[in-house]
Amino acid sequence: MSRTLKTVLGLCILLGFSSCQTTGDPTQGGIFWSERKANERLDERRANLGAIEADTARVKKRNQVLEDSAARKRRYLAE
């Protein structure tokens, strides 16, 4: 293999590695996995889940208040 071909091949390999990125999510591209980025994604998703669960609890509590109010009104009308 000629020296020029080896040099070009080496440059192509270096360019290929320099364009790769680390990612915590293999579906988002990049060939290198980063534990730190994966943990950041998990933390973000846990925070999002916590917000959804808090909102769900708030809605359930509000529904219970409304159901209790409706039951009291039904009892009052039945008297």
N, C-alpha and C. Protein backbone atom coordinates (compact mmCIF):
# COMPACT_ATOMS: atom_id res chain seq x y z
N MET A 1 0.85 -1.16 0.00
CA MET A 1 0.00 0.00 0.00
C MET A 1 0.90 1.23 0.00
N SER A 2 0.57 2.18 -0.84
CA SER A 2 1.42 3.36 -0.94
C SER A 2 1.23 4.26 0.28
N ARG A 3 2.25 5.07 0.46
CA ARG A 3 2.25 5.97 1.62
C ARG A 3 1.09 6.96 1.52
N THR A 4 0.77 7.45 0.35
CA THR A 4 -0.33 8.40 0.14
C THR A 4 -1.67 7.76 0.48
N LEU A 5 -1.86 6.52 0.04
CA LEU A 5 -3.10 5.82 0.32
C LEU A 5 -3.26 5.59 1.82
N LYS A 6 -2.16 5.23 2.49
CA LYS A 6 -2.21 5.04 3.95
C LYS A 6 -2.56 6.35 4.65
N THR A 7 -2.00 7.44 4.17
CA THR A 7 -2.27 8.75 4.78
C THR A 7 -3.73 9.14 4.59
N VAL A 8 -4.25 8.96 3.39
CA VAL A 8 -5.66 9.29 3.11
C VAL A 8 -6.58 8.40 3.96
N LEU A 9 -6.26 7.12 4.02
CA LEU A 9 -7.06 6.20 4.81
C LEU A 9 -7.02 6.58 6.29
N GLY A 10 -5.86 6.93 6.77
CA GLY A 10 -5.73 7.36 8.17
C GLY A 10 -6.53 8.62 8.45
N LEU A 11 -6.49 9.58 7.54
CA LEU A 11 -7.26 10.80 7.71
C LEU A 11 -8.76 10.51 7.71
N CYS A 12 -9.20 9.62 6.85
CA CYS A 12 -10.63 9.25 6.80
C CYS A 12 -11.07 8.62 8.12
N ILE A 13 -10.24 7.77 8.66
CA ILE A 13 -10.56 7.13 9.94
C ILE A 13 -10.63 8.18 11.05
N LEU A 14 -9.66 9.09 11.09
CA LEU A 14 -9.68 10.15 12.10
C LEU A 14 -10.90 11.04 11.98
N LEU A 15 -11.26 11.40 10.75
CA LEU A 15 -12.46 12.22 10.54
C LEU A 15 -13.72 11.46 10.97
N GLY A 16 -13.74 10.18 10.71
CA GLY A 16 -14.89 9.37 11.11
C GLY A 16 -15.05 9.35 12.61
N PHE A 17 -13.96 9.20 13.35
CA PHE A 17 -14.05 9.18 14.81
C PHE A 17 -14.35 10.56 15.38
N SER A 18 -13.86 11.60 14.76
CA SER A 18 -14.11 12.94 15.28
C SER A 18 -15.55 13.37 15.07
N SER A 19 -16.26 12.77 14.13
CA SER A 19 -17.65 13.14 13.91
C SER A 19 -18.60 12.36 14.80
N CYS A 20 -18.13 11.35 15.50
CA CYS A 20 -18.97 10.56 16.40
C CYS A 20 -19.13 11.32 17.70
N GLN A 21 -20.26 11.16 18.31
CA GLN A 21 -20.51 11.83 19.58
C GLN A 21 -20.88 10.81 20.64
N THR A 22 -20.68 11.19 21.89
CA THR A 22 -21.13 10.31 22.96
C THR A 22 -22.58 10.65 23.22
N THR A 23 -23.33 9.65 23.56
CA THR A 23 -24.75 9.85 23.81
C THR A 23 -25.20 8.91 24.91
N GLY A 24 -26.19 9.32 25.65
CA GLY A 24 -26.78 8.45 26.65
C GLY A 24 -27.92 7.64 26.07
N ASP A 25 -28.26 7.90 24.81
CA ASP A 25 -29.37 7.23 24.17
C ASP A 25 -28.93 6.71 22.81
N PRO A 26 -28.79 5.41 22.66
CA PRO A 26 -28.31 4.87 21.40
C PRO A 26 -29.22 5.18 20.21
N THR A 27 -30.48 5.48 20.47
CA THR A 27 -31.39 5.79 19.37
C THR A 27 -31.20 7.20 18.85
N GLN A 28 -30.42 8.03 19.55
CA GLN A 28 -30.22 9.42 19.15
C GLN A 28 -28.94 9.63 18.35
N GLY A 29 -28.28 8.61 17.97
CA GLY A 29 -27.08 8.74 17.15
C GLY A 29 -25.82 8.61 17.97
N GLY A 30 -24.72 8.58 17.32
CA GLY A 30 -23.44 8.39 17.99
C GLY A 30 -23.21 6.92 18.27
N ILE A 31 -21.96 6.54 18.30
CA ILE A 31 -21.66 5.13 18.54
C ILE A 31 -21.09 4.89 19.92
N PHE A 32 -20.78 5.96 20.63
CA PHE A 32 -20.20 5.82 21.96
C PHE A 32 -21.26 6.11 23.01
N TRP A 33 -21.34 5.26 24.02
CA TRP A 33 -22.34 5.40 25.07
C TRP A 33 -21.73 6.15 26.23
N SER A 34 -22.48 7.09 26.78
CA SER A 34 -22.00 7.88 27.90
C SER A 34 -22.91 7.63 29.10
N GLU A 35 -22.35 7.06 30.16
CA GLU A 35 -23.14 6.79 31.37
C GLU A 35 -23.67 8.09 31.98
N ARG A 36 -22.86 9.12 31.96
CA ARG A 36 -23.29 10.41 32.52
C ARG A 36 -24.51 10.94 31.78
N LYS A 37 -24.47 10.90 30.46
CA LYS A 37 -25.60 11.40 29.68
C LYS A 37 -26.82 10.50 29.86
N ALA A 38 -26.61 9.21 29.97
CA ALA A 38 -27.73 8.29 30.21
C ALA A 38 -28.37 8.60 31.57
N ASN A 39 -27.56 8.85 32.58
CA ASN A 39 -28.09 9.20 33.90
C ASN A 39 -28.82 10.53 33.88
N GLU A 40 -28.33 11.48 33.11
CA GLU A 40 -29.02 12.77 32.97
C GLU A 40 -30.40 12.57 32.33
N ARG A 41 -30.46 11.71 31.31
CA ARG A 41 -31.75 11.43 30.68
C ARG A 41 -32.69 10.76 31.65
N LEU A 42 -32.18 9.82 32.45
CA LEU A 42 -33.02 9.15 33.44
C LEU A 42 -33.54 10.14 34.49
N ASP A 43 -32.68 11.03 34.96
CA ASP A 43 -33.09 12.03 35.94
C ASP A 43 -34.19 12.92 35.37
N GLU A 44 -34.02 13.32 34.11
CA GLU A 44 -35.03 14.16 33.45
C GLU A 44 -36.36 13.44 33.35
N ARG A 45 -36.31 12.18 32.98
CA ARG A 45 -37.55 11.40 32.85
C ARG A 45 -38.19 11.15 34.21
N ARG A 46 -37.38 10.93 35.24
CA ARG A 46 -37.94 10.74 36.59
C ARG A 46 -38.61 12.02 37.07
N ALA A 47 -38.01 13.16 36.79
CA ALA A 47 -38.60 14.44 37.18
C ALA A 47 -39.92 14.65 36.44
N ASN A 48 -39.94 14.31 35.17
CA ASN A 48 -41.17 14.43 34.38
C ASN A 48 -42.25 13.51 34.93
N LEU A 49 -41.88 12.29 35.26
CA LEU A 49 -42.82 11.33 35.83
C LEU A 49 -43.35 11.84 37.16
N GLY A 50 -42.47 12.41 37.98
CA GLY A 50 -42.90 12.97 39.27
C GLY A 50 -43.93 14.08 39.08
N ALA A 51 -43.72 14.93 38.10
CA ALA A 51 -44.66 16.02 37.83
C ALA A 51 -46.00 15.46 37.35
N ILE A 52 -45.96 14.44 36.53
CA ILE A 52 -47.20 13.82 36.05
C ILE A 52 -47.95 13.16 37.20
N GLU A 53 -47.22 12.45 38.07
CA GLU A 53 -47.86 11.80 39.21
C GLU A 53 -48.46 12.82 40.16
N ALA A 54 -47.78 13.94 40.38
CA ALA A 54 -48.31 14.99 41.25
C ALA A 54 -49.58 15.58 40.65
N ASP A 55 -49.58 15.81 39.35
CA ASP A 55 -50.77 16.34 38.68
C ASP A 55 -51.92 15.34 38.75
N THR A 56 -51.62 14.06 38.57
CA THR A 56 -52.65 13.03 38.66
C THR A 56 -53.25 13.00 40.06
N ALA A 57 -52.42 13.09 41.09
CA ALA A 57 -52.91 13.10 42.47
C ALA A 57 -53.81 14.32 42.72
N ARG A 58 -53.42 15.46 42.17
CA ARG A 58 -54.22 16.68 42.33
C ARG A 58 -55.58 16.52 41.67
N VAL A 59 -55.61 15.95 40.47
CA VAL A 59 -56.87 15.76 39.76
C VAL A 59 -57.75 14.75 40.49
N LYS A 60 -57.16 13.68 41.01
CA LYS A 60 -57.94 12.69 41.75
C LYS A 60 -58.56 13.30 43.01
N LYS A 61 -57.78 14.13 43.69
CA LYS A 61 -58.29 14.78 44.90
C LYS A 61 -59.45 15.72 44.55
N ARG A 62 -59.30 16.47 43.48
CA ARG A 62 -60.35 17.38 43.03
C ARG A 62 -61.60 16.59 42.63
N ASN A 63 -61.43 15.47 41.95
CA ASN A 63 -62.57 14.63 41.58
C ASN A 63 -63.29 14.11 42.81
N GLN A 64 -62.54 13.72 43.84
CA GLN A 64 -63.16 13.22 45.07
C GLN A 64 -63.99 14.32 45.74
N VAL A 65 -63.44 15.54 45.76
CA VAL A 65 -64.18 16.67 46.34
C VAL A 65 -65.49 16.89 45.57
N LEU A 66 -65.42 16.85 44.25
CA LEU A 66 -66.62 17.05 43.43
C LEU A 66 -67.63 15.92 43.61
N GLU A 67 -67.14 14.68 43.71
CA GLU A 67 -68.04 13.55 43.93
C GLU A 67 -68.72 13.65 45.30
N ASP A 68 -67.97 14.05 46.33
CA ASP A 68 -68.56 14.22 47.66
C ASP A 68 -69.62 15.31 47.63
N SER A 69 -69.35 16.40 46.95
CA SER A 69 -70.30 17.50 46.83
C SER A 69 -71.57 17.04 46.11
N ALA A 70 -71.40 16.29 45.04
CA ALA A 70 -72.56 15.79 44.29
C ALA A 70 -73.38 14.82 45.15
N ALA A 71 -72.72 13.98 45.94
CA ALA A 71 -73.43 13.04 46.80
C ALA A 71 -74.22 13.79 47.87
N ARG A 72 -73.63 14.84 48.45
CA ARG A 72 -74.36 15.64 49.45
C ARG A 72 -75.59 16.30 48.82
N LYS A 73 -75.44 16.79 47.60
CA LYS A 73 -76.57 17.43 46.93
C LYS A 73 -77.67 16.42 46.62
N ARG A 74 -77.29 15.21 46.22
CA ARG A 74 -78.28 14.17 45.95
C ARG A 74 -79.03 13.80 47.22
N ARG A 75 -78.29 13.68 48.34
CA ARG A 75 -78.93 13.36 49.62
C ARG A 75 -79.88 14.48 50.03
N TYR A 76 -79.47 15.71 49.83
CA TYR A 76 -80.30 16.86 50.19
C TYR A 76 -81.59 16.86 49.37
N LEU A 77 -81.46 16.56 48.07
CA LEU A 77 -82.65 16.55 47.21
C LEU A 77 -83.57 15.35 47.51
N ALA A 78 -83.01 14.28 48.03
CA ALA A 78 -83.79 13.08 48.34
C ALA A 78 -84.60 13.27 49.62
N GLU A 79 -84.26 14.23 50.46
CA GLU A 79 -84.97 14.43 51.74
C GLU A 79 -86.34 14.96 51.55
